[in-house]
Structures are given as C-alpha cells and as structure tokens.
Amino acid sequence: MVLAKVKGNIVSTQKNSYLKGHKLLTVHPVDLDYKYIGKKDVVALDFVDAGIGDIVLLVQEGKAVEQILGHRKAPVHSVIVAVVDSIDVD
C-alpha cells in the first residue's frame, strides 16, 4: 500500500468499457509528514469517494486490484481503497 494525496480529477468522454461508472483521480505519493515523494503522479480508480486534497491509501498490486474489481479485464494498476483521517506514529 502507498500513502498518497489526491491532486485532481480526470474527465474522459471515452473509456474502456470496464472503467465506465468509476471515478479516476490523479494522486501523488507522500511520506508520513504528507510531503510529496518523487516527481510522478499516478492515475487511480477511486472506490471510496475521495476528493481533491484527501490523503488516501493506494493499492498497486495486481492481485489486490483484481480482487477489488472482481475480474482482471480492466486496465487498472492503482486503486484508492481508503481515505486517511489521521496517522499516529510512535
């Protein structure tokens, strides 16, 4: 799992048929202090109704994505599975 911050929405008039009805967001990995890691954004399928500015948990594993979608036909690499309310680190 990866901690990430939602940066924006993706609007597409044409989608793969397995992506219809799903929201696509751009996210960027962050560290535990919510500072950006790396230089690349990621396109992720949203399953938890996240919004811009939210800190989320991102799954980028093939089997996990397949289990969430219930099939392996969609061209998906990353799925948002949770909105993070807070992080406590000892």
PDB file of N, CA and C in Angstrom:
ATOM      1  N   MET A   1       0.841  -1.178   0.000  1.00  0.00           N
ATOM      2  CA  MET A   1       0.000   0.000   0.000  1.00  0.00           C
ATOM      3  C   MET A   1       0.885   1.241   0.000  1.00  0.00           C
ATOM      4  N   VAL A   2       0.350   2.299  -0.571  1.00  0.00           N
ATOM      5  CA  VAL A   2       1.070   3.560  -0.690  1.00  0.00           C
ATOM      6  C   VAL A   2       0.189   4.668  -0.136  1.00  0.00           C
ATOM      7  N   LEU A   3       0.784   5.560   0.623  1.00  0.00           N
ATOM      8  CA  LEU A   3       0.089   6.744   1.093  1.00  0.00           C
ATOM      9  C   LEU A   3       0.209   7.804   0.010  1.00  0.00           C
ATOM     10  N   ALA A   4      -0.897   8.466  -0.344  1.00  0.00           N
ATOM     11  CA  ALA A   4      -0.871   9.439  -1.437  1.00  0.00           C
ATOM     12  C   ALA A   4      -1.859  10.571  -1.177  1.00  0.00           C
ATOM     13  N   LYS A   5      -1.659  11.685  -1.878  1.00  0.00           N
ATOM     14  CA  LYS A   5      -2.564  12.829  -1.790  1.00  0.00           C
ATOM     15  C   LYS A   5      -3.250  13.014  -3.135  1.00  0.00           C
ATOM     16  N   VAL A   6      -4.569  13.202  -3.100  1.00  0.00           N
ATOM     17  CA  VAL A   6      -5.337  13.395  -4.327  1.00  0.00           C
ATOM     18  C   VAL A   6      -5.075  14.805  -4.850  1.00  0.00           C
ATOM     19  N   LYS A   7      -4.666  14.884  -6.130  1.00  0.00           N
ATOM     20  CA  LYS A   7      -4.341  16.172  -6.736  1.00  0.00           C
ATOM     21  C   LYS A   7      -5.406  16.656  -7.710  1.00  0.00           C
ATOM     22  N   GLY A   8      -6.158  15.744  -8.319  1.00  0.00           N
ATOM     23  CA  GLY A   8      -7.142  16.201  -9.285  1.00  0.00           C
ATOM     24  C   GLY A   8      -8.022  15.094  -9.827  1.00  0.00           C
ATOM     25  N   ASN A   9      -9.013  15.508 -10.607  1.00  0.00           N
ATOM     26  CA  ASN A   9      -9.950  14.596 -11.266  1.00  0.00           C
ATOM     27  C   ASN A   9      -9.519  14.387 -12.705  1.00  0.00           C
ATOM     28  N   ILE A  10      -9.914  13.255 -13.257  1.00  0.00           N
ATOM     29  CA  ILE A  10      -9.717  13.006 -14.682  1.00  0.00           C
ATOM     30  C   ILE A  10     -11.086  12.824 -15.295  1.00  0.00           C
ATOM     31  N   VAL A  11     -11.346  13.598 -16.326  1.00  0.00           N
ATOM     32  CA  VAL A  11     -12.622  13.506 -17.034  1.00  0.00           C
ATOM     33  C   VAL A  11     -12.337  12.943 -18.415  1.00  0.00           C
ATOM     34  N   SER A  12     -13.085  11.910 -18.782  1.00  0.00           N
ATOM     35  CA  SER A  12     -12.868  11.260 -20.069  1.00  0.00           C
ATOM     36  C   SER A  12     -14.213  10.917 -20.701  1.00  0.00           C
ATOM     37  N   THR A  13     -14.392  11.360 -21.924  1.00  0.00           N
ATOM     38  CA  THR A  13     -15.645  11.037 -22.609  1.00  0.00           C
ATOM     39  C   THR A  13     -15.615   9.622 -23.171  1.00  0.00           C
ATOM     40  N   GLN A  14     -14.433   9.102 -23.432  1.00  0.00           N
ATOM     41  CA  GLN A  14     -14.285   7.743 -23.933  1.00  0.00           C
ATOM     42  C   GLN A  14     -13.464   6.958 -22.914  1.00  0.00           C
ATOM     43  N   LYS A  15     -13.992   5.807 -22.479  1.00  0.00           N
ATOM     44  CA  LYS A  15     -13.282   4.965 -21.516  1.00  0.00           C
ATOM     45  C   LYS A  15     -13.358   3.516 -21.953  1.00  0.00           C
ATOM     46  N   ASN A  16     -12.450   2.727 -21.451  1.00  0.00           N
ATOM     47  CA  ASN A  16     -12.552   1.291 -21.575  1.00  0.00           C
ATOM     48  C   ASN A  16     -13.886   0.875 -20.953  1.00  0.00           C
ATOM     49  N   SER A  17     -14.576  -0.063 -21.543  1.00  0.00           N
ATOM     50  CA  SER A  17     -15.914  -0.430 -21.063  1.00  0.00           C
ATOM     51  C   SER A  17     -15.905  -0.906 -19.605  1.00  0.00           C
ATOM     52  N   TYR A  18     -14.804  -1.456 -19.130  1.00  0.00           N
ATOM     53  CA  TYR A  18     -14.729  -1.924 -17.745  1.00  0.00           C
ATOM     54  C   TYR A  18     -14.493  -0.782 -16.761  1.00  0.00           C
ATOM     55  N   LEU A  19     -14.205   0.417 -17.256  1.00  0.00           N
ATOM     56  CA  LEU A  19     -13.988   1.567 -16.383  1.00  0.00           C
ATOM     57  C   LEU A  19     -15.199   2.484 -16.289  1.00  0.00           C
ATOM     58  N   LYS A  20     -16.199   2.242 -17.109  1.00  0.00           N
ATOM     59  CA  LYS A  20     -17.392   3.087 -17.076  1.00  0.00           C
ATOM     60  C   LYS A  20     -18.046   3.015 -15.707  1.00  0.00           C
ATOM     61  N   GLY A  21     -18.431   4.184 -15.196  1.00  0.00           N
ATOM     62  CA  GLY A  21     -19.068   4.255 -13.892  1.00  0.00           C
ATOM     63  C   GLY A  21     -18.092   4.410 -12.745  1.00  0.00           C
ATOM     64  N   HIS A  22     -16.801   4.385 -13.028  1.00  0.00           N
ATOM     65  CA  HIS A  22     -15.786   4.549 -11.989  1.00  0.00           C
ATOM     66  C   HIS A  22     -15.109   5.912 -12.134  1.00  0.00           C
ATOM     67  N   LYS A  23     -14.781   6.524 -10.996  1.00  0.00           N
ATOM     68  CA  LYS A  23     -14.116   7.821 -10.990  1.00  0.00           C
ATOM     69  C   LYS A  23     -12.604   7.623 -11.044  1.00  0.00           C
ATOM     70  N   LEU A  24     -11.934   8.411 -11.895  1.00  0.00           N
ATOM     71  CA  LEU A  24     -10.486   8.384 -11.996  1.00  0.00           C
ATOM     72  C   LEU A  24      -9.915   9.650 -11.378  1.00  0.00           C
ATOM     73  N   LEU A  25      -8.875   9.491 -10.554  1.00  0.00           N
ATOM     74  CA  LEU A  25      -8.236  10.624  -9.898  1.00  0.00           C
ATOM     75  C   LEU A  25      -6.732  10.578 -10.129  1.00  0.00           C
ATOM     76  N   THR A  26      -6.093  11.754 -10.089  1.00  0.00           N
ATOM     77  CA  THR A  26      -4.635  11.790 -10.078  1.00  0.00           C
ATOM     78  C   THR A  26      -4.192  11.927  -8.629  1.00  0.00           C
ATOM     79  N   VAL A  27      -3.230  11.112  -8.233  1.00  0.00           N
ATOM     80  CA  VAL A  27      -2.708  11.139  -6.874  1.00  0.00           C
ATOM     81  C   VAL A  27      -1.186  11.183  -6.941  1.00  0.00           C
ATOM     82  N   HIS A  28      -0.571  11.621  -5.838  1.00  0.00           N
ATOM     83  CA  HIS A  28       0.885  11.680  -5.768  1.00  0.00           C
ATOM     84  C   HIS A  28       1.319  11.082  -4.430  1.00  0.00           C
ATOM     85  N   PRO A  29       2.259  10.135  -4.444  1.00  0.00           N
ATOM     86  CA  PRO A  29       2.722   9.526  -3.194  1.00  0.00           C
ATOM     87  C   PRO A  29       3.274  10.569  -2.223  1.00  0.00           C
ATOM     88  N   VAL A  30       3.013  10.352  -0.923  1.00  0.00           N
ATOM     89  CA  VAL A  30       3.512  11.243   0.127  1.00  0.00           C
ATOM     90  C   VAL A  30       4.142  10.405   1.236  1.00  0.00           C
ATOM     91  N   ASP A  31       4.963  11.070   2.082  1.00  0.00           N
ATOM     92  CA  ASP A  31       5.531  10.395   3.244  1.00  0.00           C
ATOM     93  C   ASP A  31       4.605  10.590   4.439  1.00  0.00           C
ATOM     94  N   LEU A  32       5.045  10.179   5.623  1.00  0.00           N
ATOM     95  CA  LEU A  32       4.195  10.269   6.813  1.00  0.00           C
ATOM     96  C   LEU A  32       3.944  11.708   7.265  1.00  0.00           C
ATOM     97  N   ASP A  33       4.729  12.655   6.750  1.00  0.00           N
ATOM     98  CA  ASP A  33       4.514  14.077   7.037  1.00  0.00           C
ATOM     99  C   ASP A  33       3.727  14.753   5.913  1.00  0.00           C
ATOM    100  N   TYR A  34       3.180  13.951   5.010  1.00  0.00           N
ATOM    101  CA  TYR A  34       2.381  14.410   3.865  1.00  0.00           C
ATOM    102  C   TYR A  34       3.189  15.233   2.866  1.00  0.00           C
ATOM    103  N   LYS A  35       4.495  15.025   2.801  1.00  0.00           N
ATOM    104  CA  LYS A  35       5.347  15.691   1.808  1.00  0.00           C
ATOM    105  C   LYS A  35       5.466  14.774   0.600  1.00  0.00           C
ATOM    106  N   TYR A  36       5.408  15.372  -0.592  1.00  0.00           N
ATOM    107  CA  TYR A  36       5.462  14.585  -1.824  1.00  0.00           C
ATOM    108  C   TYR A  36       6.762  13.796  -1.940  1.00  0.00           C
ATOM    109  N   ILE A  37       6.622  12.575  -2.443  1.00  0.00           N
ATOM    110  CA  ILE A  37       7.768  11.704  -2.716  1.00  0.00           C
ATOM    111  C   ILE A  37       7.851  11.530  -4.227  1.00  0.00           C
ATOM    112  N   GLY A  38       9.004  11.746  -4.791  1.00  0.00           N
ATOM    113  CA  GLY A  38       9.178  11.555  -6.231  1.00  0.00           C
ATOM    114  C   GLY A  38       8.562  12.680  -7.037  1.00  0.00           C
ATOM    115  N   LYS A  39       8.544  12.481  -8.354  1.00  0.00           N
ATOM    116  CA  LYS A  39       8.095  13.534  -9.268  1.00  0.00           C
ATOM    117  C   LYS A  39       6.890  13.141 -10.110  1.00  0.00           C
ATOM    118  N   LYS A  40       6.418  11.897  -9.980  1.00  0.00           N
ATOM    119  CA  LYS A  40       5.352  11.424 -10.866  1.00  0.00           C
ATOM    120  C   LYS A  40       4.016  11.274 -10.157  1.00  0.00           C
ATOM    121  N   ASP A  41       2.963  11.735 -10.836  1.00  0.00           N
ATOM    122  CA  ASP A  41       1.597  11.482 -10.386  1.00  0.00           C
ATOM    123  C   ASP A  41       1.169  10.101 -10.867  1.00  0.00           C
ATOM    124  N   VAL A  42       0.115   9.577 -10.248  1.00  0.00           N
ATOM    125  CA  VAL A  42      -0.418   8.269 -10.599  1.00  0.00           C
ATOM    126  C   VAL A  42      -1.912   8.426 -10.868  1.00  0.00           C
ATOM    127  N   VAL A  43      -2.412   7.730 -11.878  1.00  0.00           N
ATOM    128  CA  VAL A  43      -3.854   7.691 -12.130  1.00  0.00           C
ATOM    129  C   VAL A  43      -4.409   6.508 -11.358  1.00  0.00           C
ATOM    130  N   ALA A  44      -5.445   6.768 -10.558  1.00  0.00           N
ATOM    131  CA  ALA A  44      -6.007   5.708  -9.718  1.00  0.00           C
ATOM    132  C   ALA A  44      -7.520   5.671  -9.830  1.00  0.00           C
ATOM    133  N   LEU A  45      -8.061   4.476  -9.743  1.00  0.00           N
ATOM    134  CA  LEU A  45      -9.504   4.256  -9.716  1.00  0.00           C
ATOM    135  C   LEU A  45      -9.982   4.476  -8.285  1.00  0.00           C
ATOM    136  N   ASP A  46     -11.020   5.279  -8.110  1.00  0.00           N
ATOM    137  CA  ASP A  46     -11.494   5.645  -6.770  1.00  0.00           C
ATOM    138  C   ASP A  46     -12.683   4.782  -6.366  1.00  0.00           C
ATOM    139  N   PHE A  47     -12.544   4.059  -5.246  1.00  0.00           N
ATOM    140  CA  PHE A  47     -13.628   3.230  -4.733  1.00  0.00           C
ATOM    141  C   PHE A  47     -14.198   3.749  -3.423  1.00  0.00           C
ATOM    142  N   VAL A  48     -13.702   4.904  -2.927  1.00  0.00           N
ATOM    143  CA  VAL A  48     -14.119   5.379  -1.613  1.00  0.00           C
ATOM    144  C   VAL A  48     -14.611   6.822  -1.632  1.00  0.00           C
ATOM    145  N   ASP A  49     -14.875   7.366  -2.805  1.00  0.00           N
ATOM    146  CA  ASP A  49     -15.377   8.735  -2.960  1.00  0.00           C
ATOM    147  C   ASP A  49     -14.417   9.767  -2.375  1.00  0.00           C
ATOM    148  N   ALA A  50     -13.142   9.635  -2.693  1.00  0.00           N
ATOM    149  CA  ALA A  50     -12.127  10.591  -2.253  1.00  0.00           C
ATOM    150  C   ALA A  50     -12.257  11.882  -3.058  1.00  0.00           C
ATOM    151  N   GLY A  51     -11.716  12.964  -2.504  1.00  0.00           N
ATOM    152  CA  GLY A  51     -11.762  14.250  -3.179  1.00  0.00           C
ATOM    153  C   GLY A  51     -10.396  14.904  -3.201  1.00  0.00           C
ATOM    154  N   ILE A  52     -10.281  15.982  -3.944  1.00  0.00           N
ATOM    155  CA  ILE A  52      -9.023  16.701  -4.065  1.00  0.00           C
ATOM    156  C   ILE A  52      -8.562  17.153  -2.681  1.00  0.00           C
ATOM    157  N   GLY A  53      -7.286  16.901  -2.390  1.00  0.00           N
ATOM    158  CA  GLY A  53      -6.705  17.265  -1.104  1.00  0.00           C
ATOM    159  C   GLY A  53      -6.732  16.150  -0.072  1.00  0.00           C
ATOM    160  N   ASP A  54      -7.517  15.101  -0.304  1.00  0.00           N
ATOM    161  CA  ASP A  54      -7.584  13.987   0.645  1.00  0.00           C
ATOM    162  C   ASP A  54      -6.291  13.172   0.625  1.00  0.00           C
ATOM    163  N   ILE A  55      -5.912  12.655   1.791  1.00  0.00           N
ATOM    164  CA  ILE A  55      -4.827  11.690   1.899  1.00  0.00           C
ATOM    165  C   ILE A  55      -5.486  10.316   1.835  1.00  0.00           C
ATOM    166  N   VAL A  56      -4.966   9.461   0.961  1.00  0.00           N
ATOM    167  CA  VAL A  56      -5.607   8.169   0.705  1.00  0.00           C
ATOM    168  C   VAL A  56      -4.589   7.037   0.755  1.00  0.00           C
ATOM    169  N   LEU A  57      -5.115   5.816   0.886  1.00  0.00           N
ATOM    170  CA  LEU A  57      -4.303   4.616   0.741  1.00  0.00           C
ATOM    171  C   LEU A  57      -4.516   4.081  -0.664  1.00  0.00           C
ATOM    172  N   LEU A  58      -3.432   3.776  -1.312  1.00  0.00           N
ATOM    173  CA  LEU A  58      -3.453   3.356  -2.704  1.00  0.00           C
ATOM    174  C   LEU A  58      -2.897   1.942  -2.798  1.00  0.00           C
ATOM    175  N   VAL A  59      -3.617   1.062  -3.471  1.00  0.00           N
ATOM    176  CA  VAL A  59      -3.153  -0.304  -3.698  1.00  0.00           C
ATOM    177  C   VAL A  59      -2.640  -0.381  -5.128  1.00  0.00           C
ATOM    178  N   GLN A  60      -1.426  -0.924  -5.283  1.00  0.00           N
ATOM    179  CA  GLN A  60      -0.839  -1.041  -6.616  1.00  0.00           C
ATOM    180  C   GLN A  60      -0.361  -2.461  -6.891  1.00  0.00           C
ATOM    181  N   GLU A  61      -1.063  -3.427  -6.387  1.00  0.00           N
ATOM    182  CA  GLU A  61      -0.702  -4.816  -6.585  1.00  0.00           C
ATOM    183  C   GLU A  61      -1.729  -5.472  -7.492  1.00  0.00           C
ATOM    184  N   GLY A  62      -1.267  -6.254  -8.430  1.00  0.00           N
ATOM    185  CA  GLY A  62      -2.160  -6.890  -9.389  1.00  0.00           C
ATOM    186  C   GLY A  62      -3.263  -7.720  -8.764  1.00  0.00           C
ATOM    187  N   LYS A  63      -2.907  -8.596  -7.829  1.00  0.00           N
ATOM    188  CA  LYS A  63      -3.917  -9.466  -7.213  1.00  0.00           C
ATOM    189  C   LYS A  63      -4.913  -8.674  -6.388  1.00  0.00           C
ATOM    190  N   ALA A  64      -4.448  -7.676  -5.647  1.00  0.00           N
ATOM    191  CA  ALA A  64      -5.352  -6.866  -4.828  1.00  0.00           C
ATOM    192  C   ALA A  64      -6.334  -6.110  -5.715  1.00  0.00           C
ATOM    193  N   VAL A  65      -5.840  -5.528  -6.785  1.00  0.00           N
ATOM    194  CA  VAL A  65      -6.706  -4.797  -7.714  1.00  0.00           C
ATOM    195  C   VAL A  65      -7.725  -5.747  -8.330  1.00  0.00           C
ATOM    196  N   GLU A  66      -7.275  -6.920  -8.703  1.00  0.00           N
ATOM    197  CA  GLU A  66      -8.174  -7.930  -9.280  1.00  0.00           C
ATOM    198  C   GLU A  66      -9.269  -8.324  -8.291  1.00  0.00           C
ATOM    199  N   GLN A  67      -8.935  -8.495  -7.016  1.00  0.00           N
ATOM    200  CA  GLN A  67      -9.925  -8.864  -6.008  1.00  0.00           C
ATOM    201  C   GLN A  67     -10.930  -7.744  -5.779  1.00  0.00           C
ATOM    202  N   ILE A  68     -10.480  -6.509  -5.796  1.00  0.00           N
ATOM    203  CA  ILE A  68     -11.381  -5.371  -5.588  1.00  0.00           C
ATOM    204  C   ILE A  68     -12.362  -5.245  -6.746  1.00  0.00           C
ATOM    205  N   LEU A  69     -11.853  -5.379  -7.969  1.00  0.00           N
ATOM    206  CA  LEU A  69     -12.721  -5.245  -9.150  1.00  0.00           C
ATOM    207  C   LEU A  69     -13.572  -6.484  -9.386  1.00  0.00           C
ATOM    208  N   GLY A  70     -13.108  -7.627  -8.933  1.00  0.00           N
ATOM    209  CA  GLY A  70     -13.845  -8.867  -9.150  1.00  0.00           C
ATOM    210  C   GLY A  70     -13.540  -9.533 -10.478  1.00  0.00           C
ATOM    211  N   HIS A  71     -12.597  -8.971 -11.227  1.00  0.00           N
ATOM    212  CA  HIS A  71     -12.161  -9.544 -12.507  1.00  0.00           C
ATOM    213  C   HIS A  71     -10.801  -8.958 -12.854  1.00  0.00           C
ATOM    214  N   ARG A  72     -10.200  -9.465 -13.921  1.00  0.00           N
ATOM    215  CA  ARG A  72      -8.897  -8.944 -14.337  1.00  0.00           C
ATOM    216  C   ARG A  72      -8.935  -8.359 -15.743  1.00  0.00           C
ATOM    217  N   LYS A  73     -10.089  -7.951 -16.190  1.00  0.00           N
ATOM    218  CA  LYS A  73     -10.249  -7.463 -17.562  1.00  0.00           C
ATOM    219  C   LYS A  73      -9.983  -5.969 -17.714  1.00  0.00           C
ATOM    220  N   ALA A  74     -10.089  -5.198 -16.631  1.00  0.00           N
ATOM    221  CA  ALA A  74      -9.904  -3.745 -16.708  1.00  0.00           C
ATOM    222  C   ALA A  74      -8.412  -3.396 -16.692  1.00  0.00           C
ATOM    223  N   PRO A  75      -8.016  -2.386 -17.478  1.00  0.00           N
ATOM    224  CA  PRO A  75      -6.617  -1.961 -17.496  1.00  0.00           C
ATOM    225  C   PRO A  75      -6.313  -1.044 -16.312  1.00  0.00           C
ATOM    226  N   VAL A  76      -6.244  -1.614 -15.112  1.00  0.00           N
ATOM    227  CA  VAL A  76      -6.082  -0.824 -13.891  1.00  0.00           C
ATOM    228  C   VAL A  76      -4.821  -1.262 -13.161  1.00  0.00           C
ATOM    229  N   HIS A  77      -4.041  -0.291 -12.712  1.00  0.00           N
ATOM    230  CA  HIS A  77      -2.835  -0.566 -11.939  1.00  0.00           C
ATOM    231  C   HIS A  77      -2.987  -0.122 -10.489  1.00  0.00           C
ATOM    232  N   SER A  78      -3.724   0.982 -10.256  1.00  0.00           N
ATOM    233  CA  SER A  78      -3.809   1.565  -8.919  1.00  0.00           C
ATOM    234  C   SER A  78      -5.258   1.824  -8.532  1.00  0.00           C
ATOM    235  N   VAL A  79      -5.596   1.484  -7.277  1.00  0.00           N
ATOM    236  CA  VAL A  79      -6.948   1.678  -6.768  1.00  0.00           C
ATOM    237  C   VAL A  79      -6.869   2.354  -5.400  1.00  0.00           C
ATOM    238  N   ILE A  80      -7.694   3.381  -5.203  1.00  0.00           N
ATOM    239  CA  ILE A  80      -7.799   4.034  -3.902  1.00  0.00           C
ATOM    240  C   ILE A  80      -8.764   3.196  -3.063  1.00  0.00           C
ATOM    241  N   VAL A  81      -8.275   2.748  -1.890  1.00  0.00           N
ATOM    242  CA  VAL A  81      -9.090   1.856  -1.054  1.00  0.00           C
ATOM    243  C   VAL A  81      -9.499   2.467   0.286  1.00  0.00           C
ATOM    244  N   ALA A  82      -8.942   3.632   0.653  1.00  0.00           N
ATOM    245  CA  ALA A  82      -9.306   4.249   1.919  1.00  0.00           C
ATOM    246  C   ALA A  82      -8.927   5.724   1.935  1.00  0.00           C
ATOM    247  N   VAL A  83      -9.722   6.517   2.653  1.00  0.00           N
ATOM    248  CA  VAL A  83      -9.376   7.906   2.935  1.00  0.00           C
ATOM    249  C   VAL A  83      -8.806   7.921   4.349  1.00  0.00           C
ATOM    250  N   VAL A  84      -7.631   8.511   4.511  1.00  0.00           N
ATOM    251  CA  VAL A  84      -6.936   8.518   5.794  1.00  0.00           C
ATOM    252  C   VAL A  84      -7.392   9.726   6.610  1.00  0.00           C
ATOM    253  N   ASP A  85      -7.892   9.470   7.820  1.00  0.00           N
ATOM    254  CA  ASP A  85      -8.293  10.556   8.711  1.00  0.00           C
ATOM    255  C   ASP A  85      -7.101  11.099   9.485  1.00  0.00           C
ATOM    256  N   SER A  86      -6.271  10.207   9.997  1.00  0.00           N
ATOM    257  CA  SER A  86      -5.087  10.650  10.729  1.00  0.00           C
ATOM    258  C   SER A  86      -4.076   9.522  10.781  1.00  0.00           C
ATOM    259  N   ILE A  87      -2.838   9.894  11.110  1.00  0.00           N
ATOM    260  CA  ILE A  87      -1.760   8.909  11.253  1.00  0.00           C
ATOM    261  C   ILE A  87      -1.077   9.185  12.582  1.00  0.00           C
ATOM    262  N   ASP A  88      -0.935   8.147  13.402  1.00  0.00           N
ATOM    263  CA  ASP A  88      -0.213   8.262  14.672  1.00  0.00           C
ATOM    264  C   ASP A  88       1.013   7.365  14.592  1.00  0.00           C
ATOM    265  N   VAL A  89       2.189   7.956  14.775  1.00  0.00           N
ATOM    266  CA  VAL A  89       3.432   7.197  14.733  1.00  0.00           C
ATOM    267  C   VAL A  89       4.162   7.394  16.056  1.00  0.00           C
ATOM    268  N   ASP A  90       4.550   6.303  16.686  1.00  0.00           N
ATOM    269  CA  ASP A  90       5.290   6.386  17.951  1.00  0.00           C
ATOM    270  C   ASP A  90       6.753   6.653  17.686  1.00  0.00           C
TER     271      ASP A  90
END
